[in-house]
Amino acid sequence: MFVKERCSHFTMLPVGMRVLFTGTLVVLGVGYLFAMIHIFASHAGHDGDPGLSVNDLVIAYSGSKEDTKLEAALKGPMAGMLPQEERDEIVAWVRRGALKEEYVAQPTSPDIASSQKIRPISAIIGQRCIACHNGANPHVPDFNNYDGVMATVALDTGMDIFTLVRVSHIHLFGITFIFFLTGSIFCHAYIKPVWLKCLILGIPFVAIVMDIGSWYLTKIYPPFAWVVMISGGLMGLAFAAQLTISIYQMWLYKLPSKILESGGYVSE
């Protein structure tokens, strides 16, 4: 079914090349780990519960349909940036109508928690948020003034299409390049049967298309968030398999005698 392949096994390669391959895989592995940490930090907790769940992905791409963008951020990735009581004050302000007089000054109306002293919302945001939301990054909301904050006080509909397109092309180019590198190295491994080797090589490319395509589909039909999670898991498993098998066979694996007799060529 598969054409016989002939590829020099790792043990037949110069030591310098194996060191090069190992260093590449180790650094890519560390980079992949940090990418996973970033994904967890930016998506986990959107639904108000700890950990990363399918509901978190639905909210990230499709929106919460209940909270404003500001509330969703305070419940999710920004939850650790300010104390609970200050988060509650901002959420309460939003749900009262996000009035400008409450934003800039101590509210005095008896209808607005007159029995409690509430800090101006601008003071909380100035102390907790403005260091990052200062207008320097065009992709981060600008909280320098009331109008900037009000831009986030709208129903959360998830990532906008422009953001999805921008992130999509970065991921498509970057992840394709990563798996081209790891796959080129993994080709020197001895895996039997050969269809299993081809499966490990091919899964990441199918998974990235499924993953990114499902970002857009989740906005239309939220259950596609399951495809996002599953395809991300498949990519991670394929990456781990290529990295661990390659490094193991480079330095610890002993080739079967029939392969050694053929000159170290991996063939099926």
C-alpha atoms as a PDB file:
ATOM      1  CA  MET A   1       0.000   0.000   0.000  1.00  0.00           C
ATOM      2  CA  PHE A   2       2.877   2.360   0.827  1.00  0.00           C
ATOM      3  CA  VAL A   3       5.930   2.879  -1.337  1.00  0.00           C
ATOM      4  CA  LYS A   4       9.050   1.568   0.344  1.00  0.00           C
ATOM      5  CA  GLU A   5      11.059   4.344   1.918  1.00  0.00           C
ATOM      6  CA  ARG A   6      14.789   4.473   2.413  1.00  0.00           C
ATOM      7  CA  CYS A   7      16.074   6.971   4.951  1.00  0.00           C
ATOM      8  CA  SER A   8      19.243   6.916   7.038  1.00  0.00           C
ATOM      9  CA  HIS A   9      18.503   6.187  10.669  1.00  0.00           C
ATOM     10  CA  PHE A  10      19.678   8.616  13.344  1.00  0.00           C
ATOM     11  CA  THR A  11      22.459   6.272  14.408  1.00  0.00           C
ATOM     12  CA  MET A  12      23.960   6.516  10.925  1.00  0.00           C
ATOM     13  CA  LEU A  13      24.111  10.321  11.009  1.00  0.00           C
ATOM     14  CA  PRO A  14      27.152  12.312  12.156  1.00  0.00           C
ATOM     15  CA  VAL A  15      27.203  13.202  15.841  1.00  0.00           C
ATOM     16  CA  GLY A  16      27.151  16.896  14.989  1.00  0.00           C
ATOM     17  CA  MET A  17      23.918  16.484  13.053  1.00  0.00           C
ATOM     18  CA  ARG A  18      22.327  14.584  15.926  1.00  0.00           C
ATOM     19  CA  VAL A  19      23.347  17.366  18.324  1.00  0.00           C
ATOM     20  CA  LEU A  20      21.810  19.897  15.934  1.00  0.00           C
ATOM     21  CA  PHE A  21      18.575  17.888  15.717  1.00  0.00           C
ATOM     22  CA  THR A  22      18.420  17.423  19.486  1.00  0.00           C
ATOM     23  CA  GLY A  23      18.970  21.100  20.206  1.00  0.00           C
ATOM     24  CA  THR A  24      16.279  22.059  17.695  1.00  0.00           C
ATOM     25  CA  LEU A  25      13.759  19.657  19.215  1.00  0.00           C
ATOM     26  CA  VAL A  26      14.514  20.691  22.799  1.00  0.00           C
ATOM     27  CA  VAL A  27      14.122  24.414  22.085  1.00  0.00           C
ATOM     28  CA  LEU A  28      10.943  23.825  20.054  1.00  0.00           C
ATOM     29  CA  GLY A  29       9.636  21.695  22.914  1.00  0.00           C
ATOM     30  CA  VAL A  30      10.213  24.492  25.412  1.00  0.00           C
ATOM     31  CA  GLY A  31       8.558  26.938  23.019  1.00  0.00           C
ATOM     32  CA  TYR A  32       5.563  24.624  22.612  1.00  0.00           C
ATOM     33  CA  LEU A  33       5.249  24.364  26.398  1.00  0.00           C
ATOM     34  CA  PHE A  34       5.178  28.133  26.773  1.00  0.00           C
ATOM     35  CA  ALA A  35       2.609  28.357  23.965  1.00  0.00           C
ATOM     36  CA  MET A  36       0.378  25.941  25.907  1.00  0.00           C
ATOM     37  CA  ILE A  37       0.799  28.038  29.056  1.00  0.00           C
ATOM     38  CA  HIS A  38      -0.180  31.148  27.104  1.00  0.00           C
ATOM     39  CA  ILE A  39      -3.269  29.444  25.668  1.00  0.00           C
ATOM     40  CA  PHE A  40      -4.299  28.300  29.132  1.00  0.00           C
ATOM     41  CA  ALA A  41      -3.738  31.746  30.671  1.00  0.00           C
ATOM     42  CA  SER A  42      -5.641  33.580  27.916  1.00  0.00           C
ATOM     43  CA  HIS A  43      -8.616  31.197  27.693  1.00  0.00           C
ATOM     44  CA  ALA A  44      -9.064  29.504  31.081  1.00  0.00           C
ATOM     45  CA  GLY A  45     -11.656  30.826  33.495  1.00  0.00           C
ATOM     46  CA  HIS A  46     -13.849  32.697  31.011  1.00  0.00           C
ATOM     47  CA  ASP A  47     -16.848  30.772  32.331  1.00  0.00           C
ATOM     48  CA  GLY A  48     -16.036  31.689  35.930  1.00  0.00           C
ATOM     49  CA  ASP A  49     -14.694  28.242  36.809  1.00  0.00           C
ATOM     50  CA  PRO A  50     -10.996  27.343  37.167  1.00  0.00           C
ATOM     51  CA  GLY A  51      -9.304  25.354  34.422  1.00  0.00           C
ATOM     52  CA  LEU A  52      -9.735  25.267  30.665  1.00  0.00           C
ATOM     53  CA  SER A  53     -13.068  23.917  29.450  1.00  0.00           C
ATOM     54  CA  VAL A  54     -15.081  23.766  26.251  1.00  0.00           C
ATOM     55  CA  ASN A  55     -17.273  26.565  27.656  1.00  0.00           C
ATOM     56  CA  ASP A  56     -14.176  28.759  27.917  1.00  0.00           C
ATOM     57  CA  LEU A  57     -13.488  28.205  24.214  1.00  0.00           C
ATOM     58  CA  VAL A  58     -17.116  28.944  23.325  1.00  0.00           C
ATOM     59  CA  ILE A  59     -16.893  32.258  25.183  1.00  0.00           C
ATOM     60  CA  ALA A  60     -13.500  33.101  23.642  1.00  0.00           C
ATOM     61  CA  TYR A  61     -14.675  32.626  20.047  1.00  0.00           C
ATOM     62  CA  SER A  62     -18.456  33.037  20.196  1.00  0.00           C
ATOM     63  CA  GLY A  63     -18.898  35.284  23.222  1.00  0.00           C
ATOM     64  CA  SER A  64     -20.707  34.769  26.514  1.00  0.00           C
ATOM     65  CA  LYS A  65     -24.073  36.103  25.265  1.00  0.00           C
ATOM     66  CA  GLU A  66     -24.697  37.224  28.866  1.00  0.00           C
ATOM     67  CA  ASP A  67     -21.790  39.460  29.872  1.00  0.00           C
ATOM     68  CA  THR A  68     -20.174  42.498  28.332  1.00  0.00           C
ATOM     69  CA  LYS A  69     -16.607  42.219  27.060  1.00  0.00           C
ATOM     70  CA  LEU A  70     -15.378  43.966  30.209  1.00  0.00           C
ATOM     71  CA  GLU A  71     -17.235  41.569  32.517  1.00  0.00           C
ATOM     72  CA  ALA A  72     -16.035  38.527  30.568  1.00  0.00           C
ATOM     73  CA  ALA A  73     -12.423  39.726  30.855  1.00  0.00           C
ATOM     74  CA  LEU A  74     -12.776  40.368  34.595  1.00  0.00           C
ATOM     75  CA  LYS A  75     -14.178  36.874  35.107  1.00  0.00           C
ATOM     76  CA  GLY A  76     -11.558  35.261  32.876  1.00  0.00           C
ATOM     77  CA  PRO A  77      -7.981  36.264  31.976  1.00  0.00           C
ATOM     78  CA  MET A  78      -7.991  39.532  33.967  1.00  0.00           C
ATOM     79  CA  ALA A  79      -9.442  38.031  37.150  1.00  0.00           C
ATOM     80  CA  GLY A  80      -6.075  37.940  38.877  1.00  0.00           C
ATOM     81  CA  MET A  81      -5.187  41.543  38.083  1.00  0.00           C
ATOM     82  CA  LEU A  82      -7.348  43.140  40.792  1.00  0.00           C
ATOM     83  CA  PRO A  83      -9.016  42.147  44.072  1.00  0.00           C
ATOM     84  CA  GLN A  84     -12.448  40.525  44.095  1.00  0.00           C
ATOM     85  CA  GLU A  85     -14.136  43.539  45.689  1.00  0.00           C
ATOM     86  CA  GLU A  86     -12.841  45.848  42.973  1.00  0.00           C
ATOM     87  CA  ARG A  87     -13.962  43.446  40.258  1.00  0.00           C
ATOM     88  CA  ASP A  88     -17.391  43.404  41.886  1.00  0.00           C
ATOM     89  CA  GLU A  89     -17.493  47.216  41.916  1.00  0.00           C
ATOM     90  CA  ILE A  90     -16.734  47.426  38.191  1.00  0.00           C
ATOM     91  CA  VAL A  91     -19.276  44.732  37.316  1.00  0.00           C
ATOM     92  CA  ALA A  92     -21.923  46.445  39.460  1.00  0.00           C
ATOM     93  CA  TRP A  93     -21.165  49.768  37.727  1.00  0.00           C
ATOM     94  CA  VAL A  94     -21.564  48.159  34.293  1.00  0.00           C
ATOM     95  CA  ARG A  95     -24.874  46.554  35.261  1.00  0.00           C
ATOM     96  CA  ARG A  96     -26.195  49.872  36.618  1.00  0.00           C
ATOM     97  CA  GLY A  97     -25.673  51.366  33.176  1.00  0.00           C
ATOM     98  CA  ALA A  98     -22.002  52.407  33.231  1.00  0.00           C
ATOM     99  CA  LEU A  99     -22.869  56.042  33.973  1.00  0.00           C
ATOM    100  CA  LYS A 100     -20.172  58.598  33.370  1.00  0.00           C
ATOM    101  CA  GLU A 101     -20.775  60.435  36.655  1.00  0.00           C
ATOM    102  CA  GLU A 102     -20.057  57.194  38.525  1.00  0.00           C
ATOM    103  CA  TYR A 103     -16.941  56.627  36.451  1.00  0.00           C
ATOM    104  CA  VAL A 104     -15.295  59.917  37.366  1.00  0.00           C
ATOM    105  CA  ALA A 105     -16.626  60.689  40.853  1.00  0.00           C
ATOM    106  CA  GLN A 106     -18.042  59.225  44.043  1.00  0.00           C
ATOM    107  CA  PRO A 107     -21.750  58.487  43.365  1.00  0.00           C
ATOM    108  CA  THR A 108     -24.150  60.363  45.630  1.00  0.00           C
ATOM    109  CA  SER A 109     -27.503  59.211  44.295  1.00  0.00           C
ATOM    110  CA  PRO A 110     -29.542  57.287  46.903  1.00  0.00           C
ATOM    111  CA  ASP A 111     -30.345  54.788  44.174  1.00  0.00           C
ATOM    112  CA  ILE A 112     -26.675  53.866  43.801  1.00  0.00           C
ATOM    113  CA  ALA A 113     -25.608  52.085  46.951  1.00  0.00           C
ATOM    114  CA  SER A 114     -25.835  55.245  49.044  1.00  0.00           C
ATOM    115  CA  SER A 115     -25.005  53.374  52.223  1.00  0.00           C
ATOM    116  CA  GLN A 116     -21.638  52.274  50.888  1.00  0.00           C
ATOM    117  CA  LYS A 117     -18.528  54.176  49.943  1.00  0.00           C
ATOM    118  CA  ILE A 118     -17.659  53.218  46.386  1.00  0.00           C
ATOM    119  CA  ARG A 119     -14.391  54.341  44.785  1.00  0.00           C
ATOM    120  CA  PRO A 120     -14.681  56.071  41.441  1.00  0.00           C
ATOM    121  CA  ILE A 121     -14.331  53.455  38.717  1.00  0.00           C
ATOM    122  CA  SER A 122     -11.694  55.622  37.035  1.00  0.00           C
ATOM    123  CA  ALA A 123      -9.525  55.316  40.175  1.00  0.00           C
ATOM    124  CA  ILE A 124      -9.706  51.515  40.160  1.00  0.00           C
ATOM    125  CA  ILE A 125      -8.943  51.314  36.455  1.00  0.00           C
ATOM    126  CA  GLY A 126      -6.151  53.857  36.785  1.00  0.00           C
ATOM    127  CA  GLN A 127      -4.489  51.849  39.534  1.00  0.00           C
ATOM    128  CA  ARG A 128      -5.062  48.314  38.217  1.00  0.00           C
ATOM    129  CA  CYS A 129      -5.440  48.472  34.440  1.00  0.00           C
ATOM    130  CA  ILE A 130      -3.856  51.521  32.867  1.00  0.00           C
ATOM    131  CA  ALA A 131      -0.307  50.131  32.939  1.00  0.00           C
ATOM    132  CA  CYS A 132      -1.248  47.806  30.064  1.00  0.00           C
ATOM    133  CA  HIS A 133      -4.379  49.495  28.710  1.00  0.00           C
ATOM    134  CA  ASN A 134      -2.619  52.772  27.985  1.00  0.00           C
ATOM    135  CA  GLY A 135      -3.134  52.977  24.227  1.00  0.00           C
ATOM    136  CA  ALA A 136       0.387  51.847  23.339  1.00  0.00           C
ATOM    137  CA  ASN A 137      -0.799  48.516  21.914  1.00  0.00           C
ATOM    138  CA  PRO A 138      -3.477  48.876  19.215  1.00  0.00           C
ATOM    139  CA  HIS A 139      -4.706  45.335  19.947  1.00  0.00           C
ATOM    140  CA  VAL A 140      -5.411  46.097  23.628  1.00  0.00           C
ATOM    141  CA  PRO A 141      -8.372  48.323  24.656  1.00  0.00           C
ATOM    142  CA  ASP A 142      -7.360  51.870  25.604  1.00  0.00           C
ATOM    143  CA  PHE A 143      -8.601  52.758  29.099  1.00  0.00           C
ATOM    144  CA  ASN A 144      -7.159  56.278  29.201  1.00  0.00           C
ATOM    145  CA  ASN A 145     -10.647  57.767  29.221  1.00  0.00           C
ATOM    146  CA  TYR A 146     -14.319  56.961  29.705  1.00  0.00           C
ATOM    147  CA  ASP A 147     -14.984  56.464  25.985  1.00  0.00           C
ATOM    148  CA  GLY A 148     -12.200  53.899  25.767  1.00  0.00           C
ATOM    149  CA  VAL A 149     -13.659  51.916  28.649  1.00  0.00           C
ATOM    150  CA  MET A 150     -17.155  52.174  27.154  1.00  0.00           C
ATOM    151  CA  ALA A 151     -15.888  50.456  24.000  1.00  0.00           C
ATOM    152  CA  THR A 152     -15.648  47.286  26.101  1.00  0.00           C
ATOM    153  CA  VAL A 153     -19.042  47.755  27.757  1.00  0.00           C
ATOM    154  CA  ALA A 154     -20.895  45.957  24.991  1.00  0.00           C
ATOM    155  CA  LEU A 155     -22.234  42.440  24.672  1.00  0.00           C
ATOM    156  CA  ASP A 156     -19.358  39.993  24.406  1.00  0.00           C
ATOM    157  CA  THR A 157     -19.461  38.383  20.968  1.00  0.00           C
ATOM    158  CA  GLY A 158     -16.034  36.759  21.188  1.00  0.00           C
ATOM    159  CA  MET A 159     -13.101  37.476  18.910  1.00  0.00           C
ATOM    160  CA  ASP A 160     -13.955  39.682  15.959  1.00  0.00           C
ATOM    161  CA  ILE A 161     -13.309  38.444  12.442  1.00  0.00           C
ATOM    162  CA  PHE A 162     -10.312  40.744  11.894  1.00  0.00           C
ATOM    163  CA  THR A 163      -8.609  39.374  15.014  1.00  0.00           C
ATOM    164  CA  LEU A 164      -9.354  35.799  13.947  1.00  0.00           C
ATOM    165  CA  VAL A 165      -7.875  36.427  10.488  1.00  0.00           C
ATOM    166  CA  ARG A 166      -4.760  38.039  11.979  1.00  0.00           C
ATOM    167  CA  VAL A 167      -4.205  35.180  14.432  1.00  0.00           C
ATOM    168  CA  SER A 168      -5.080  32.548  11.802  1.00  0.00           C
ATOM    169  CA  HIS A 169      -2.370  33.457   9.319  1.00  0.00           C
ATOM    170  CA  ILE A 170       0.243  33.646  12.095  1.00  0.00           C
ATOM    171  CA  HIS A 171      -0.715  30.165  13.314  1.00  0.00           C
ATOM    172  CA  LEU A 172      -0.912  28.649   9.836  1.00  0.00           C
ATOM    173  CA  PHE A 173       2.555  29.837   8.860  1.00  0.00           C
ATOM    174  CA  GLY A 174       4.172  29.289  12.254  1.00  0.00           C
ATOM    175  CA  ILE A 175       2.786  25.850  13.095  1.00  0.00           C
ATOM    176  CA  THR A 176       3.359  24.557   9.555  1.00  0.00           C
ATOM    177  CA  PHE A 177       7.016  25.591   9.814  1.00  0.00           C
ATOM    178  CA  ILE A 178       7.373  23.976  13.257  1.00  0.00           C
ATOM    179  CA  PHE A 179       5.955  20.631  12.132  1.00  0.00           C
ATOM    180  CA  PHE A 180       7.978  20.727   8.925  1.00  0.00           C
ATOM    181  CA  LEU A 181      11.111  20.932  11.090  1.00  0.00           C
ATOM    182  CA  THR A 182      10.070  18.260  13.587  1.00  0.00           C
ATOM    183  CA  GLY A 183       8.734  16.025  10.798  1.00  0.00           C
ATOM    184  CA  SER A 184      11.927  16.320   8.778  1.00  0.00           C
ATOM    185  CA  ILE A 185      13.860  15.110  11.815  1.00  0.00           C
ATOM    186  CA  PHE A 186      11.300  12.419  12.680  1.00  0.00           C
ATOM    187  CA  CYS A 187      11.643  10.943   9.172  1.00  0.00           C
ATOM    188  CA  HIS A 188      14.960   9.433  10.314  1.00  0.00           C
ATOM    189  CA  ALA A 189      13.212   7.353  13.005  1.00  0.00           C
ATOM    190  CA  TYR A 190      12.538   3.643  12.617  1.00  0.00           C
ATOM    191  CA  ILE A 191       8.786   3.108  13.017  1.00  0.00           C
ATOM    192  CA  LYS A 192       6.981  -0.038  12.007  1.00  0.00           C
ATOM    193  CA  PRO A 193       4.500  -0.227  10.320  1.00  0.00           C
ATOM    194  CA  VAL A 194       5.186   2.696   8.020  1.00  0.00           C
ATOM    195  CA  TRP A 195       1.541   3.823   8.000  1.00  0.00           C
ATOM    196  CA  LEU A 196       1.888   4.672  11.700  1.00  0.00           C
ATOM    197  CA  LYS A 197       4.884   6.856  10.939  1.00  0.00           C
ATOM    198  CA  CYS A 198       2.950   8.610   8.184  1.00  0.00           C
ATOM    199  CA  LEU A 199       0.009   9.099  10.550  1.00  0.00           C
ATOM    200  CA  ILE A 200       2.199  10.790  13.163  1.00  0.00           C
ATOM    201  CA  LEU A 201       3.664  13.010  10.437  1.00  0.00           C
ATOM    202  CA  GLY A 202       0.310  13.919   8.875  1.00  0.00           C
ATOM    203  CA  ILE A 203      -1.945  14.455  11.892  1.00  0.00           C
ATOM    204  CA  PRO A 204      -0.592  17.935  12.832  1.00  0.00           C
ATOM    205  CA  PHE A 205      -1.331  19.388   9.391  1.00  0.00           C
ATOM    206  CA  VAL A 206      -4.887  18.066   9.376  1.00  0.00           C
ATOM    207  CA  ALA A 207      -5.380  19.166  12.989  1.00  0.00           C
ATOM    208  CA  ILE A 208      -4.254  22.765  12.434  1.00  0.00           C
ATOM    209  CA  VAL A 209      -6.731  23.187   9.560  1.00  0.00           C
ATOM    210  CA  MET A 210      -9.500  21.681  11.727  1.00  0.00           C
ATOM    211  CA  ASP A 211      -8.492  23.858  14.670  1.00  0.00           C
ATOM    212  CA  ILE A 212      -8.431  27.185  12.866  1.00  0.00           C
ATOM    213  CA  GLY A 213     -11.487  26.406  10.767  1.00  0.00           C
ATOM    214  CA  SER A 214     -13.416  25.646  13.941  1.00  0.00           C
ATOM    215  CA  TRP A 215     -12.606  29.072  15.392  1.00  0.00           C
ATOM    216  CA  TYR A 216     -14.883  30.600  12.786  1.00  0.00           C
ATOM    217  CA  LEU A 217     -17.474  27.827  12.953  1.00  0.00           C
ATOM    218  CA  THR A 218     -17.711  28.173  16.745  1.00  0.00           C
ATOM    219  CA  LYS A 219     -18.974  31.722  16.269  1.00  0.00           C
ATOM    220  CA  ILE A 220     -21.872  30.269  14.258  1.00  0.00           C
ATOM    221  CA  TYR A 221     -22.400  26.984  16.090  1.00  0.00           C
ATOM    222  CA  PRO A 222     -20.776  26.862  19.576  1.00  0.00           C
ATOM    223  CA  PRO A 223     -20.434  23.020  19.796  1.00  0.00           C
ATOM    224  CA  PHE A 224     -17.578  23.306  17.261  1.00  0.00           C
ATOM    225  CA  ALA A 225     -15.513  24.342  20.297  1.00  0.00           C
ATOM    226  CA  TRP A 226     -15.138  20.594  20.888  1.00  0.00           C
ATOM    227  CA  VAL A 227     -13.299  20.347  17.553  1.00  0.00           C
ATOM    228  CA  VAL A 228     -10.969  23.177  18.657  1.00  0.00           C
ATOM    229  CA  MET A 229     -10.095  21.299  21.839  1.00  0.00           C
ATOM    230  CA  ILE A 230      -9.753  17.869  20.179  1.00  0.00           C
ATOM    231  CA  SER A 231      -7.624  19.132  17.289  1.00  0.00           C
ATOM    232  CA  GLY A 232      -5.362  21.003  19.707  1.00  0.00           C
ATOM    233  CA  GLY A 233      -4.939  17.807  21.696  1.00  0.00           C
ATOM    234  CA  LEU A 234      -4.067  15.836  18.557  1.00  0.00           C
ATOM    235  CA  MET A 235      -1.400  18.385  17.635  1.00  0.00           C
ATOM    236  CA  GLY A 236       0.084  18.177  21.100  1.00  0.00           C
ATOM    237  CA  LEU A 237       0.190  14.369  21.039  1.00  0.00           C
ATOM    238  CA  ALA A 238       1.805  14.321  17.581  1.00  0.00           C
ATOM    239  CA  PHE A 239       4.401  16.887  18.666  1.00  0.00           C
ATOM    240  CA  ALA A 240       5.205  14.909  21.811  1.00  0.00           C
ATOM    241  CA  ALA A 241       5.512  11.672  19.808  1.00  0.00           C
ATOM    242  CA  GLN A 242       7.838  13.192  17.204  1.00  0.00           C
ATOM    243  CA  LEU A 243      10.028  14.831  19.844  1.00  0.00           C
ATOM    244  CA  THR A 244      10.346  11.925  22.279  1.00  0.00           C
ATOM    245  CA  ILE A 245      10.743   9.178  19.659  1.00  0.00           C
ATOM    246  CA  SER A 246      13.332  11.183  17.747  1.00  0.00           C
ATOM    247  CA  ILE A 247      15.489  12.017  20.768  1.00  0.00           C
ATOM    248  CA  TYR A 248      15.206   8.492  22.150  1.00  0.00           C
ATOM    249  CA  GLN A 249      16.228   6.870  18.883  1.00  0.00           C
ATOM    250  CA  MET A 250      19.064   9.356  18.359  1.00  0.00           C
ATOM    251  CA  TRP A 251      20.876   8.465  21.564  1.00  0.00           C
ATOM    252  CA  LEU A 252      19.420   5.385  23.291  1.00  0.00           C
ATOM    253  CA  TYR A 253      17.766   3.138  20.716  1.00  0.00           C
ATOM    254  CA  LYS A 254      19.504   0.098  19.264  1.00  0.00           C
ATOM    255  CA  LEU A 255      18.542  -0.690  15.687  1.00  0.00           C
ATOM    256  CA  PRO A 256      17.416  -4.222  14.762  1.00  0.00           C
ATOM    257  CA  SER A 257      20.220  -6.246  13.231  1.00  0.00           C
ATOM    258  CA  LYS A 258      18.511  -6.447   9.829  1.00  0.00           C
ATOM    259  CA  ILE A 259      18.501  -2.644   9.613  1.00  0.00           C
ATOM    260  CA  LEU A 260      22.159  -2.467  10.583  1.00  0.00           C
ATOM    261  CA  GLU A 261      22.992  -5.034   7.916  1.00  0.00           C
ATOM    262  CA  SER A 262      21.273  -2.877   5.280  1.00  0.00           C
ATOM    263  CA  GLY A 263      23.603   0.027   6.073  1.00  0.00           C
ATOM    264  CA  GLY A 264      21.291   1.790   8.516  1.00  0.00           C
ATOM    265  CA  TYR A 265      18.548   2.521   6.011  1.00  0.00           C
ATOM    266  CA  VAL A 266      15.032   2.606   7.416  1.00  0.00           C
ATOM    267  CA  SER A 267      12.752   0.869   4.921  1.00  0.00           C
ATOM    268  CA  GLU A 268       9.418  -0.922   4.818  1.00  0.00           C
END
